[in-house]
C-alpha atoms as a PDB file:
ATOM      1  CA  UNK A   1    -100.010 -93.004-146.208  1.00  0.00           C
ATOM      2  CA  UNK A   2    -103.179 -91.283-145.089  1.00  0.00           C
ATOM      3  CA  UNK A   3    -105.888 -93.339-143.386  1.00  0.00           C
ATOM      4  CA  UNK A   4    -109.144 -91.897-142.007  1.00  0.00           C
ATOM      5  CA  UNK A   5    -111.775 -94.147-140.467  1.00  0.00           C
ATOM      6  CA  UNK A   6    -114.847 -94.089-138.241  1.00  0.00           C
ATOM      7  CA  UNK A   7    -117.032 -96.927-136.983  1.00  0.00           C
ATOM      8  CA  UNK A   8    -119.703 -97.822-134.467  1.00  0.00           C
ATOM      9  CA  UNK A   9    -120.441-101.505-133.950  1.00  0.00           C
ATOM     10  CA  UNK A  10    -122.901-103.583-131.968  1.00  0.00           C
ATOM     11  CA  UNK A  11    -120.936-105.800-129.541  1.00  0.00           C
ATOM     12  CA  UNK A  12    -124.050-107.860-128.722  1.00  0.00           C
ATOM     13  CA  UNK A  13    -124.685-108.944-132.291  1.00  0.00           C
ATOM     14  CA  UNK A  14    -123.592-112.551-132.852  1.00  0.00           C
ATOM     15  CA  UNK A  15    -122.760-112.021-136.532  1.00  0.00           C
ATOM     16  CA  UNK A  16    -119.235-112.842-137.642  1.00  0.00           C
ATOM     17  CA  UNK A  17    -117.547-111.386-140.701  1.00  0.00           C
ATOM     18  CA  UNK A  18    -118.973-112.808-143.955  1.00  0.00           C
ATOM     19  CA  UNK A  19    -117.958-111.922-147.498  1.00  0.00           C
ATOM     20  CA  UNK A  20    -121.062-111.757-149.666  1.00  0.00           C
ATOM     21  CA  UNK A  21    -119.526-110.683-152.977  1.00  0.00           C
ATOM     22  CA  UNK A  22    -115.958-110.045-154.117  1.00  0.00           C
ATOM     23  CA  UNK A  23    -114.627-109.232-157.569  1.00  0.00           C
ATOM     24  CA  UNK A  24    -111.554-107.684-159.119  1.00  0.00           C
ATOM     25  CA  UNK A  25    -110.482-106.639-162.573  1.00  0.00           C
ATOM     26  CA  UNK A  26    -107.386-105.253-164.221  1.00  0.00           C
ATOM     27  CA  UNK A  27    -107.387-101.771-165.691  1.00  0.00           C
ATOM     28  CA  UNK A  28    -103.872-102.019-167.111  1.00  0.00           C
ATOM     29  CA  UNK A  29    -100.823-104.230-166.649  1.00  0.00           C
ATOM     30  CA  UNK A  30    -100.282-103.197-163.012  1.00  0.00           C
ATOM     31  CA  UNK A  31    -103.424-101.252-162.012  1.00  0.00           C
ATOM     32  CA  UNK A  32    -106.391-103.128-160.575  1.00  0.00           C
ATOM     33  CA  UNK A  33    -109.813-102.514-159.017  1.00  0.00           C
ATOM     34  CA  UNK A  34    -111.313-104.629-156.237  1.00  0.00           C
ATOM     35  CA  UNK A  35    -114.937-104.382-155.111  1.00  0.00           C
ATOM     36  CA  UNK A  36    -116.450-106.321-152.231  1.00  0.00           C
ATOM     37  CA  UNK A  37    -119.627-106.520-150.189  1.00  0.00           C
ATOM     38  CA  UNK A  38    -119.506-108.018-146.706  1.00  0.00           C
ATOM     39  CA  UNK A  39    -121.431-108.189-143.431  1.00  0.00           C
ATOM     40  CA  UNK A  40    -120.237-107.823-139.833  1.00  0.00           C
ATOM     41  CA  UNK A  41    -121.266-106.251-136.509  1.00  0.00           C
ATOM     42  CA  UNK A  42    -121.054-102.673-137.780  1.00  0.00           C
ATOM     43  CA  UNK A  43    -123.852-100.175-137.317  1.00  0.00           C
ATOM     44  CA  UNK A  44    -122.130 -97.455-139.319  1.00  0.00           C
ATOM     45  CA  UNK A  45    -118.607 -97.149-140.654  1.00  0.00           C
ATOM     46  CA  UNK A  46    -116.603 -95.213-143.186  1.00  0.00           C
ATOM     47  CA  UNK A  47    -112.957 -95.168-144.149  1.00  0.00           C
ATOM     48  CA  UNK A  48    -110.667 -93.633-146.721  1.00  0.00           C
ATOM     49  CA  UNK A  49    -107.040 -94.499-147.334  1.00  0.00           C
ATOM     50  CA  UNK A  50    -104.454 -93.404-149.843  1.00  0.00           C
ATOM     51  CA  UNK A  51    -100.845 -94.527-150.153  1.00  0.00           C
ATOM     52  CA  UNK A  52     -97.842 -94.092-152.427  1.00  0.00           C
ATOM     53  CA  UNK A  53     -94.354 -95.573-152.655  1.00  0.00           C
ATOM     54  CA  UNK A  54     -95.237 -98.797-150.853  1.00  0.00           C
ATOM     55  CA  UNK A  55     -96.451-102.288-151.746  1.00  0.00           C
ATOM     56  CA  UNK A  56     -99.818-102.206-153.515  1.00  0.00           C
ATOM     57  CA  UNK A  57    -100.043 -98.410-153.372  1.00  0.00           C
ATOM     58  CA  UNK A  58    -103.387 -96.837-154.256  1.00  0.00           C
ATOM     59  CA  UNK A  59    -106.623 -95.814-152.581  1.00  0.00           C
ATOM     60  CA  UNK A  60    -109.363 -97.536-150.622  1.00  0.00           C
ATOM     61  CA  UNK A  61    -112.886 -96.286-149.889  1.00  0.00           C
ATOM     62  CA  UNK A  62    -115.238 -98.179-147.561  1.00  0.00           C
ATOM     63  CA  UNK A  63    -118.746 -97.495-146.311  1.00  0.00           C
ATOM     64  CA  UNK A  64    -120.871 -99.581-143.957  1.00  0.00           C
ATOM     65  CA  UNK A  65    -124.451 -99.236-142.775  1.00  0.00           C
ATOM     66  CA  UNK A  66    -126.517-101.650-140.649  1.00  0.00           C
ATOM     67  CA  UNK A  67    -124.079-104.587-140.963  1.00  0.00           C
ATOM     68  CA  UNK A  68    -123.581-104.150-144.751  1.00  0.00           C
ATOM     69  CA  UNK A  69    -120.118-103.016-145.919  1.00  0.00           C
ATOM     70  CA  UNK A  70    -119.042-101.856-149.374  1.00  0.00           C
ATOM     71  CA  UNK A  71    -115.366-101.558-150.235  1.00  0.00           C
ATOM     72  CA  UNK A  72    -113.721-100.215-153.404  1.00  0.00           C
ATOM     73  CA  UNK A  73    -109.939-100.421-153.839  1.00  0.00           C
ATOM     74  CA  UNK A  74    -107.760 -99.161-156.696  1.00  0.00           C
ATOM     75  CA  UNK A  75    -104.161-100.302-156.369  1.00  0.00           C
ATOM     76  CA  UNK A  76    -100.854-101.047-158.071  1.00  0.00           C
ATOM     77  CA  UNK A  77    -100.062-104.779-158.020  1.00  0.00           C
ATOM     78  CA  UNK A  78     -96.287-104.278-157.788  1.00  0.00           C
ATOM     79  CA  UNK A  79     -94.088-104.097-154.708  1.00  0.00           C
ATOM     80  CA  UNK A  80     -92.019-101.040-153.793  1.00  0.00           C
ATOM     81  CA  UNK A  81     -88.241-101.377-153.364  1.00  0.00           C
ATOM     82  CA  UNK A  82     -87.064 -98.892-150.730  1.00  0.00           C
ATOM     83  CA  UNK A  83     -83.389 -99.514-151.557  1.00  0.00           C
ATOM     84  CA  UNK A  84     -83.698 -98.312-155.160  1.00  0.00           C
ATOM     85  CA  UNK A  85     -86.737 -96.044-154.745  1.00  0.00           C
ATOM     86  CA  UNK A  86     -88.554 -97.778-157.610  1.00  0.00           C
ATOM     87  CA  UNK A  87     -90.972-100.628-158.209  1.00  0.00           C
ATOM     88  CA  UNK A  88     -89.436-104.085-157.900  1.00  0.00           C
ATOM     89  CA  UNK A  89     -88.579-105.844-161.173  1.00  0.00           C
ATOM     90  CA  UNK A  90     -88.828-109.605-161.251  1.00  0.00           C
ATOM     91  CA  UNK A  91     -86.673-111.868-163.496  1.00  0.00           C
ATOM     92  CA  UNK A  92     -89.617-112.953-165.690  1.00  0.00           C
ATOM     93  CA  UNK A  93     -90.436-109.268-166.391  1.00  0.00           C
ATOM     94  CA  UNK A  94     -86.849-108.596-167.490  1.00  0.00           C
ATOM     95  CA  UNK A  95     -87.093-111.485-169.980  1.00  0.00           C
ATOM     96  CA  UNK A  96     -90.410-110.178-171.388  1.00  0.00           C
ATOM     97  CA  UNK A  97     -89.091-106.634-171.837  1.00  0.00           C
ATOM     98  CA  UNK A  98     -85.924-107.737-173.674  1.00  0.00           C
END
Protein backbone atom coordinates (compact mmCIF):
# COMPACT_ATOMS: atom_id res chain seq x y z
CA UNK A 1 0.00 0.00 0.00
CA UNK A 2 1.15 3.51 -0.80
CA UNK A 3 -0.46 6.43 1.03
CA UNK A 4 0.57 10.08 0.57
CA UNK A 5 -1.26 12.86 2.38
CA UNK A 6 -0.94 16.50 3.40
CA UNK A 7 -3.28 18.71 5.41
CA UNK A 8 -3.52 21.99 7.27
CA UNK A 9 -6.54 22.52 9.50
CA UNK A 10 -7.97 25.30 11.62
CA UNK A 11 -8.15 24.10 15.25
CA UNK A 12 -10.29 27.09 16.26
CA UNK A 13 -13.08 26.36 13.81
CA UNK A 14 -16.08 24.81 15.57
CA UNK A 15 -17.19 22.81 12.52
CA UNK A 16 -17.50 19.06 12.92
CA UNK A 17 -17.31 16.57 10.08
CA UNK A 18 -20.44 16.65 7.88
CA UNK A 19 -21.13 14.56 4.79
CA UNK A 20 -22.85 16.73 2.20
CA UNK A 21 -23.14 14.26 -0.68
CA UNK A 22 -22.23 10.59 -1.07
CA UNK A 23 -22.86 8.24 -3.97
CA UNK A 24 -21.51 4.97 -5.30
CA UNK A 25 -22.01 2.88 -8.39
CA UNK A 26 -20.84 -0.45 -9.71
CA UNK A 27 -18.63 -0.63 -12.78
CA UNK A 28 -18.61 -4.43 -12.93
CA UNK A 29 -19.44 -7.32 -10.63
CA UNK A 30 -16.69 -6.48 -8.12
CA UNK A 31 -15.40 -3.02 -9.13
CA UNK A 32 -17.05 0.07 -7.68
CA UNK A 33 -16.68 3.86 -7.59
CA UNK A 34 -17.50 6.03 -4.57
CA UNK A 35 -17.70 9.82 -4.68
CA UNK A 36 -18.33 12.05 -1.68
CA UNK A 37 -18.34 15.70 -0.70
CA UNK A 38 -17.89 16.65 2.95
CA UNK A 39 -16.96 19.55 5.21
CA UNK A 40 -14.61 19.71 8.21
CA UNK A 41 -11.96 21.96 9.79
CA UNK A 42 -9.52 21.66 6.89
CA UNK A 43 -7.94 24.67 5.23
CA UNK A 44 -6.18 22.62 2.57
CA UNK A 45 -5.64 18.90 2.19
CA UNK A 46 -4.72 16.34 -0.41
CA UNK A 47 -4.19 12.60 -0.32
CA UNK A 48 -3.55 9.72 -2.67
CA UNK A 49 -3.63 6.04 -1.81
CA UNK A 50 -3.24 2.86 -3.80
CA UNK A 51 -3.39 -0.72 -2.56
CA UNK A 52 -3.34 -4.27 -3.90
CA UNK A 53 -3.78 -7.74 -2.44
CA UNK A 54 -5.84 -6.60 0.54
CA UNK A 55 -9.51 -6.10 1.41
CA UNK A 56 -11.17 -3.55 -0.88
CA UNK A 57 -7.98 -2.94 -2.87
CA UNK A 58 -7.96 0.03 -5.24
CA UNK A 59 -7.14 3.72 -5.23
CA UNK A 60 -8.35 6.80 -3.39
CA UNK A 61 -7.87 10.46 -4.33
CA UNK A 62 -8.95 13.28 -2.01
CA UNK A 63 -8.69 17.05 -2.22
CA UNK A 64 -9.86 19.65 0.29
CA UNK A 65 -9.94 23.44 0.18
CA UNK A 66 -11.47 25.87 2.69
CA UNK A 67 -13.45 23.21 4.62
CA UNK A 68 -14.77 21.49 1.45
CA UNK A 69 -13.48 17.95 0.74
CA UNK A 70 -13.89 15.87 -2.41
CA UNK A 71 -13.10 12.16 -2.37
CA UNK A 72 -13.07 9.66 -5.25
CA UNK A 73 -12.47 5.96 -4.57
CA UNK A 74 -12.22 3.06 -7.02
CA UNK A 75 -12.08 -0.30 -5.27
CA UNK A 76 -12.66 -4.04 -5.43
CA UNK A 77 -15.55 -5.11 -3.19
CA UNK A 78 -14.04 -8.51 -2.35
CA UNK A 79 -11.83 -9.49 0.57
CA UNK A 80 -8.29 -10.82 0.16
CA UNK A 81 -7.38 -14.24 1.61
CA UNK A 82 -3.73 -14.20 2.68
CA UNK A 83 -3.69 -17.98 3.24
CA UNK A 84 -4.50 -18.82 -0.39
CA UNK A 85 -3.19 -15.62 -2.02
CA UNK A 86 -6.50 -15.07 -3.83
CA UNK A 87 -9.80 -13.28 -3.37
CA UNK A 88 -12.14 -14.94 -0.88
CA UNK A 89 -14.97 -17.03 -2.36
CA UNK A 90 -18.22 -17.17 -0.46
CA UNK A 91 -20.63 -20.17 -0.52
CA UNK A 92 -23.36 -18.27 -2.42
CA UNK A 93 -20.83 -17.41 -5.18
CA UNK A 94 -19.86 -21.07 -5.55
CA UNK A 95 -23.54 -21.97 -6.06
CA UNK A 96 -23.99 -19.24 -8.71
CA UNK A 97 -20.89 -20.29 -10.66
CA UNK A 98 -21.87 -23.99 -10.78
